[in-house]
Amino acid sequence: MLLLRKPSAEAVRRYLTAQQRLDFTYAPIGATATTPPAGYVVDHTRIRLGEGAAVFTSARAALENWQQFDLGWLEAWFPDTPIKSGAVVAVLARAVGLWWLNACRIVYVVDEPGPITRFGFAYGTLPDHAGSGEERFLLEWNAADNSVHYDILAFSRPRRFLFRLGYPVLRRKQKRFGRESAAAMLLAVTKRTFMA
């Protein structure tokens, strides 16, 4: 949804209520858990956040509060949206003087202990989204070397005519999101670990 000004919290709530009832805009639902499908552009960003339980715990808290979207030009509405399958969230972006409201639904949640402890989730696009596809946000704590990583995997393609025309701009924004989301998670972990 394209807007001339930033929407109110109530407007976003109404928007999410309407989107909640709608289906995903793509067929390979859950494909970020295995192999992204052909016919989509794939983006992958991975960053080392640090080492140990404190870093993993801090990163998990940041992910659960949608801090990977605290970018100034992009935010998740609402940051208290629970990380559970079926939850719907709006991603609000500002670009070229306009506001873009995009709806997504959480497809699956990962919460696995083991030699590599994992936590994260994937969400997929709903009809009122500029693109079509899925994005996974994953934390991994590897017991072998004690490292903690943040990993984003996405597949997408433009859905609306306007975005097909402006696809080069959209691609730059997607790549920027990967870089800045990784930096936001690193900052969140640093702050949380330092304050603990």
C-alpha atoms as a PDB file:
ATOM      1  CA  MET A   1       0.000   0.000   0.000  1.00  0.00           C
ATOM      2  CA  LEU A   2       1.428   3.328  -1.091  1.00  0.00           C
ATOM      3  CA  LEU A   3       0.841   6.286   1.246  1.00  0.00           C
ATOM      4  CA  LEU A   4       1.646   9.991   1.150  1.00  0.00           C
ATOM      5  CA  ARG A   5       2.221  10.165   4.923  1.00  0.00           C
ATOM      6  CA  LYS A   6       3.095   7.794   7.727  1.00  0.00           C
ATOM      7  CA  PRO A   7       0.015   5.825   8.828  1.00  0.00           C
ATOM      8  CA  SER A   8      -1.329   5.947  12.366  1.00  0.00           C
ATOM      9  CA  ALA A   9      -1.129   2.899  14.611  1.00  0.00           C
ATOM     10  CA  GLU A  10      -4.904   2.460  14.269  1.00  0.00           C
ATOM     11  CA  ALA A  11      -4.693   2.555  10.458  1.00  0.00           C
ATOM     12  CA  VAL A  12      -1.997  -0.150  10.541  1.00  0.00           C
ATOM     13  CA  ARG A  13      -4.153  -2.284  12.863  1.00  0.00           C
ATOM     14  CA  ARG A  14      -7.093  -2.065  10.439  1.00  0.00           C
ATOM     15  CA  TYR A  15      -4.760  -2.872   7.539  1.00  0.00           C
ATOM     16  CA  LEU A  16      -3.402  -5.973   9.313  1.00  0.00           C
ATOM     17  CA  THR A  17      -6.897  -7.145  10.236  1.00  0.00           C
ATOM     18  CA  ALA A  18      -7.874  -7.039   6.554  1.00  0.00           C
ATOM     19  CA  GLN A  19      -4.652  -8.782   5.446  1.00  0.00           C
ATOM     20  CA  GLN A  20      -4.974 -11.524   8.100  1.00  0.00           C
ATOM     21  CA  ARG A  21      -7.709 -13.279   6.117  1.00  0.00           C
ATOM     22  CA  LEU A  22      -5.816 -13.337   2.801  1.00  0.00           C
ATOM     23  CA  ASP A  23      -3.605 -16.017   1.242  1.00  0.00           C
ATOM     24  CA  PHE A  24       0.107 -15.907   0.447  1.00  0.00           C
ATOM     25  CA  THR A  25       1.071 -14.508  -2.961  1.00  0.00           C
ATOM     26  CA  TYR A  26       3.430 -17.335  -3.933  1.00  0.00           C
ATOM     27  CA  ALA A  27       3.277 -21.128  -4.171  1.00  0.00           C
ATOM     28  CA  PRO A  28       6.568 -22.436  -2.696  1.00  0.00           C
ATOM     29  CA  ILE A  29       5.530 -21.679   0.897  1.00  0.00           C
ATOM     30  CA  GLY A  30       8.265 -22.657   3.340  1.00  0.00           C
ATOM     31  CA  ALA A  31      10.985 -22.973   0.693  1.00  0.00           C
ATOM     32  CA  THR A  32      13.451 -20.884   2.741  1.00  0.00           C
ATOM     33  CA  ALA A  33      13.715 -23.926   5.020  1.00  0.00           C
ATOM     34  CA  THR A  34      15.165 -25.975   2.149  1.00  0.00           C
ATOM     35  CA  THR A  35      16.099 -24.614  -1.281  1.00  0.00           C
ATOM     36  CA  PRO A  36      14.769 -21.368  -2.770  1.00  0.00           C
ATOM     37  CA  PRO A  37      12.717 -22.030  -5.916  1.00  0.00           C
ATOM     38  CA  ALA A  38      13.688 -21.257  -9.498  1.00  0.00           C
ATOM     39  CA  GLY A  39      12.240 -18.110 -11.023  1.00  0.00           C
ATOM     40  CA  TYR A  40      12.948 -15.875  -8.026  1.00  0.00           C
ATOM     41  CA  VAL A  41      15.870 -13.633  -7.115  1.00  0.00           C
ATOM     42  CA  VAL A  42      17.696 -14.997  -4.063  1.00  0.00           C
ATOM     43  CA  ASP A  43      19.396 -12.804  -1.462  1.00  0.00           C
ATOM     44  CA  HIS A  44      21.601 -14.183   1.300  1.00  0.00           C
ATOM     45  CA  THR A  45      23.274 -12.208   4.084  1.00  0.00           C
ATOM     46  CA  ARG A  46      25.261 -13.746   6.941  1.00  0.00           C
ATOM     47  CA  ILE A  47      27.166 -12.045   9.752  1.00  0.00           C
ATOM     48  CA  ARG A  48      29.047 -13.259  12.804  1.00  0.00           C
ATOM     49  CA  LEU A  49      27.586 -11.618  15.914  1.00  0.00           C
ATOM     50  CA  GLY A  50      30.099 -12.947  18.435  1.00  0.00           C
ATOM     51  CA  GLU A  51      30.502 -15.941  20.714  1.00  0.00           C
ATOM     52  CA  GLY A  52      28.663 -17.724  23.478  1.00  0.00           C
ATOM     53  CA  ALA A  53      25.372 -17.992  25.317  1.00  0.00           C
ATOM     54  CA  ALA A  54      25.112 -14.298  26.215  1.00  0.00           C
ATOM     55  CA  VAL A  55      25.417 -13.260  22.563  1.00  0.00           C
ATOM     56  CA  PHE A  56      22.871 -15.861  21.429  1.00  0.00           C
ATOM     57  CA  THR A  57      20.430 -14.856  24.181  1.00  0.00           C
ATOM     58  CA  SER A  58      20.806 -11.166  23.305  1.00  0.00           C
ATOM     59  CA  ALA A  59      20.374 -11.866  19.595  1.00  0.00           C
ATOM     60  CA  ARG A  60      17.272 -13.944  20.248  1.00  0.00           C
ATOM     61  CA  ALA A  61      15.721 -11.139  22.324  1.00  0.00           C
ATOM     62  CA  ALA A  62      16.490  -8.668  19.528  1.00  0.00           C
ATOM     63  CA  LEU A  63      14.913 -10.919  16.891  1.00  0.00           C
ATOM     64  CA  GLU A  64      11.846 -11.508  19.075  1.00  0.00           C
ATOM     65  CA  ASN A  65      11.411  -7.718  19.247  1.00  0.00           C
ATOM     66  CA  TRP A  66      11.874  -7.230  15.483  1.00  0.00           C
ATOM     67  CA  GLN A  67      15.001  -5.107  16.000  1.00  0.00           C
ATOM     68  CA  GLN A  68      16.401  -6.292  12.671  1.00  0.00           C
ATOM     69  CA  PHE A  69      13.958  -3.734  11.208  1.00  0.00           C
ATOM     70  CA  ASP A  70      15.061  -0.758  13.334  1.00  0.00           C
ATOM     71  CA  LEU A  71      16.673   1.001  10.391  1.00  0.00           C
ATOM     72  CA  GLY A  72      15.212   4.502  10.338  1.00  0.00           C
ATOM     73  CA  TRP A  73      13.789   4.093   6.830  1.00  0.00           C
ATOM     74  CA  LEU A  74      12.199   0.717   7.634  1.00  0.00           C
ATOM     75  CA  GLU A  75      10.317  -0.642  10.629  1.00  0.00           C
ATOM     76  CA  ALA A  76       8.113  -3.564  11.643  1.00  0.00           C
ATOM     77  CA  TRP A  77       4.617  -2.834  12.882  1.00  0.00           C
ATOM     78  CA  PHE A  78       4.113  -3.922  15.507  1.00  0.00           C
ATOM     79  CA  PRO A  79       7.367  -4.828  17.288  1.00  0.00           C
ATOM     80  CA  ASP A  80       5.383  -6.769  19.885  1.00  0.00           C
ATOM     81  CA  THR A  81       3.999  -9.119  17.205  1.00  0.00           C
ATOM     82  CA  PRO A  82       4.674 -12.601  18.593  1.00  0.00           C
ATOM     83  CA  ILE A  83       7.060 -14.866  16.720  1.00  0.00           C
ATOM     84  CA  LYS A  84       4.584 -17.643  15.967  1.00  0.00           C
ATOM     85  CA  SER A  85       3.254 -19.256  12.814  1.00  0.00           C
ATOM     86  CA  GLY A  86       0.309 -17.342  11.401  1.00  0.00           C
ATOM     87  CA  ALA A  87       1.124 -13.980  13.007  1.00  0.00           C
ATOM     88  CA  VAL A  88       0.780 -11.058  10.584  1.00  0.00           C
ATOM     89  CA  VAL A  89       3.136  -8.079  10.579  1.00  0.00           C
ATOM     90  CA  ALA A  90       3.377  -4.918   8.508  1.00  0.00           C
ATOM     91  CA  VAL A  91       6.722  -3.732   7.191  1.00  0.00           C
ATOM     92  CA  LEU A  92       6.674   0.035   6.735  1.00  0.00           C
ATOM     93  CA  ALA A  93       9.307   1.576   4.447  1.00  0.00           C
ATOM     94  CA  ARG A  94      10.002   5.167   3.465  1.00  0.00           C
ATOM     95  CA  ALA A  95      11.438   5.845   0.033  1.00  0.00           C
ATOM     96  CA  VAL A  96      11.379   8.753  -2.411  1.00  0.00           C
ATOM     97  CA  GLY A  97       9.155  10.755  -0.060  1.00  0.00           C
ATOM     98  CA  LEU A  98       6.470   8.073   0.128  1.00  0.00           C
ATOM     99  CA  TRP A  99       5.498   5.414   2.666  1.00  0.00           C
ATOM    100  CA  TRP A 100       5.104   1.785   1.593  1.00  0.00           C
ATOM    101  CA  LEU A 101       3.107  -0.552   3.834  1.00  0.00           C
ATOM    102  CA  ASN A 102       3.644  -4.255   3.112  1.00  0.00           C
ATOM    103  CA  ALA A 103       1.935  -7.205   4.794  1.00  0.00           C
ATOM    104  CA  CYS A 104       3.598 -10.513   5.667  1.00  0.00           C
ATOM    105  CA  ARG A 105       2.596 -13.628   7.615  1.00  0.00           C
ATOM    106  CA  ILE A 106       4.957 -15.838   9.595  1.00  0.00           C
ATOM    107  CA  VAL A 107       5.198 -19.160   7.767  1.00  0.00           C
ATOM    108  CA  TYR A 108       7.254 -21.152  10.268  1.00  0.00           C
ATOM    109  CA  VAL A 109       9.355 -20.772  13.398  1.00  0.00           C
ATOM    110  CA  VAL A 110      12.694 -22.476  14.071  1.00  0.00           C
ATOM    111  CA  ASP A 111      13.598 -23.232  17.703  1.00  0.00           C
ATOM    112  CA  GLU A 112      16.078 -26.124  17.773  1.00  0.00           C
ATOM    113  CA  PRO A 113      18.631 -27.059  20.433  1.00  0.00           C
ATOM    114  CA  GLY A 114      21.628 -29.148  19.434  1.00  0.00           C
ATOM    115  CA  PRO A 115      25.240 -28.946  18.346  1.00  0.00           C
ATOM    116  CA  ILE A 116      24.033 -25.960  16.332  1.00  0.00           C
ATOM    117  CA  THR A 117      21.278 -24.244  18.305  1.00  0.00           C
ATOM    118  CA  ARG A 118      18.921 -22.349  15.998  1.00  0.00           C
ATOM    119  CA  PHE A 119      16.216 -19.760  16.497  1.00  0.00           C
ATOM    120  CA  GLY A 120      14.358 -17.762  13.895  1.00  0.00           C
ATOM    121  CA  PHE A 121      11.393 -17.541  11.595  1.00  0.00           C
ATOM    122  CA  ALA A 122      10.332 -16.974   8.006  1.00  0.00           C
ATOM    123  CA  TYR A 123       7.554 -14.777   6.744  1.00  0.00           C
ATOM    124  CA  GLY A 124       5.855 -14.687   3.368  1.00  0.00           C
ATOM    125  CA  THR A 125       4.166 -11.944   1.395  1.00  0.00           C
ATOM    126  CA  LEU A 126       0.439 -11.282   1.441  1.00  0.00           C
ATOM    127  CA  PRO A 127      -1.556  -9.625  -1.391  1.00  0.00           C
ATOM    128  CA  ASP A 128      -0.896  -6.024  -0.385  1.00  0.00           C
ATOM    129  CA  HIS A 129       2.885  -6.337  -0.698  1.00  0.00           C
ATOM    130  CA  ALA A 130       5.099  -4.828  -3.391  1.00  0.00           C
ATOM    131  CA  GLY A 131       6.831  -8.133  -3.974  1.00  0.00           C
ATOM    132  CA  SER A 132       6.120 -11.820  -3.814  1.00  0.00           C
ATOM    133  CA  GLY A 133       8.246 -14.286  -1.884  1.00  0.00           C
ATOM    134  CA  GLU A 134       9.611 -15.314   1.473  1.00  0.00           C
ATOM    135  CA  GLU A 135      12.335 -14.208   3.890  1.00  0.00           C
ATOM    136  CA  ARG A 136      13.963 -16.167   6.714  1.00  0.00           C
ATOM    137  CA  PHE A 137      15.736 -14.642   9.725  1.00  0.00           C
ATOM    138  CA  LEU A 138      17.873 -17.194  11.574  1.00  0.00           C
ATOM    139  CA  LEU A 139      20.302 -17.235  14.500  1.00  0.00           C
ATOM    140  CA  GLU A 140      22.799 -20.093  14.821  1.00  0.00           C
ATOM    141  CA  TRP A 141      24.993 -20.872  17.835  1.00  0.00           C
ATOM    142  CA  ASN A 142      27.590 -23.476  16.916  1.00  0.00           C
ATOM    143  CA  ALA A 143      28.856 -25.483  19.909  1.00  0.00           C
ATOM    144  CA  ALA A 144      31.993 -26.541  18.003  1.00  0.00           C
ATOM    145  CA  ASP A 145      33.508 -23.042  17.914  1.00  0.00           C
ATOM    146  CA  ASN A 146      31.008 -21.168  20.159  1.00  0.00           C
ATOM    147  CA  SER A 147      30.216 -18.740  17.301  1.00  0.00           C
ATOM    148  CA  VAL A 148      26.856 -17.021  16.867  1.00  0.00           C
ATOM    149  CA  HIS A 149      25.695 -15.990  13.389  1.00  0.00           C
ATOM    150  CA  TYR A 150      22.722 -14.063  12.002  1.00  0.00           C
ATOM    151  CA  ASP A 151      21.558 -15.313   8.640  1.00  0.00           C
ATOM    152  CA  ILE A 152      18.965 -13.875   6.233  1.00  0.00           C
ATOM    153  CA  LEU A 153      17.756 -15.880   3.240  1.00  0.00           C
ATOM    154  CA  ALA A 154      15.118 -14.495   0.880  1.00  0.00           C
ATOM    155  CA  PHE A 155      13.600 -15.227  -2.490  1.00  0.00           C
ATOM    156  CA  SER A 156      11.441 -12.657  -4.232  1.00  0.00           C
ATOM    157  CA  ARG A 157      10.190 -11.115  -7.427  1.00  0.00           C
ATOM    158  CA  PRO A 158       8.169  -7.965  -8.108  1.00  0.00           C
ATOM    159  CA  ARG A 159       4.429  -8.429  -7.984  1.00  0.00           C
ATOM    160  CA  ARG A 160       2.931  -5.143  -9.097  1.00  0.00           C
ATOM    161  CA  PHE A 161       3.435  -3.320 -12.387  1.00  0.00           C
ATOM    162  CA  LEU A 162       4.870  -0.224 -10.691  1.00  0.00           C
ATOM    163  CA  PHE A 163       7.547  -2.325  -9.005  1.00  0.00           C
ATOM    164  CA  ARG A 164       8.416  -4.134 -12.207  1.00  0.00           C
ATOM    165  CA  LEU A 165       9.172  -0.713 -13.692  1.00  0.00           C
ATOM    166  CA  GLY A 166      11.221   0.340 -10.678  1.00  0.00           C
ATOM    167  CA  TYR A 167      12.822  -3.052 -10.098  1.00  0.00           C
ATOM    168  CA  PRO A 168      16.424  -1.764 -10.079  1.00  0.00           C
ATOM    169  CA  VAL A 169      15.483   0.590  -7.216  1.00  0.00           C
ATOM    170  CA  LEU A 170      13.690  -2.223  -5.387  1.00  0.00           C
ATOM    171  CA  ARG A 171      16.773  -4.463  -5.725  1.00  0.00           C
ATOM    172  CA  ARG A 172      18.992  -1.750  -4.229  1.00  0.00           C
ATOM    173  CA  LYS A 173      16.590  -1.461  -1.289  1.00  0.00           C
ATOM    174  CA  GLN A 174      16.616  -5.239  -0.783  1.00  0.00           C
ATOM    175  CA  LYS A 175      20.415  -5.352  -0.742  1.00  0.00           C
ATOM    176  CA  ARG A 176      20.522  -2.340   1.573  1.00  0.00           C
ATOM    177  CA  PHE A 177      18.104  -4.097   3.917  1.00  0.00           C
ATOM    178  CA  GLY A 178      20.397  -7.141   4.161  1.00  0.00           C
ATOM    179  CA  ARG A 179      23.424  -5.028   5.077  1.00  0.00           C
ATOM    180  CA  GLU A 180      21.610  -2.731   7.482  1.00  0.00           C
ATOM    181  CA  SER A 181      19.610  -5.500   9.145  1.00  0.00           C
ATOM    182  CA  ALA A 182      22.864  -7.326   9.898  1.00  0.00           C
ATOM    183  CA  ALA A 183      24.339  -4.119  11.331  1.00  0.00           C
ATOM    184  CA  ALA A 184      21.200  -3.510  13.430  1.00  0.00           C
ATOM    185  CA  MET A 185      21.427  -7.007  14.911  1.00  0.00           C
ATOM    186  CA  LEU A 186      25.123  -6.554  15.681  1.00  0.00           C
ATOM    187  CA  LEU A 187      24.362  -3.252  17.401  1.00  0.00           C
ATOM    188  CA  ALA A 188      21.444  -4.732  19.357  1.00  0.00           C
ATOM    189  CA  VAL A 189      23.583  -7.645  20.551  1.00  0.00           C
ATOM    190  CA  THR A 190      26.441  -5.338  21.529  1.00  0.00           C
ATOM    191  CA  LYS A 191      24.098  -3.096  23.546  1.00  0.00           C
ATOM    192  CA  ARG A 192      22.268  -5.976  25.238  1.00  0.00           C
ATOM    193  CA  THR A 193      25.463  -7.901  26.051  1.00  0.00           C
ATOM    194  CA  PHE A 194      27.163  -4.761  27.374  1.00  0.00           C
ATOM    195  CA  MET A 195      24.192  -3.881  29.572  1.00  0.00           C
ATOM    196  CA  ALA A 196      23.850  -7.415  31.000  1.00  0.00           C
END
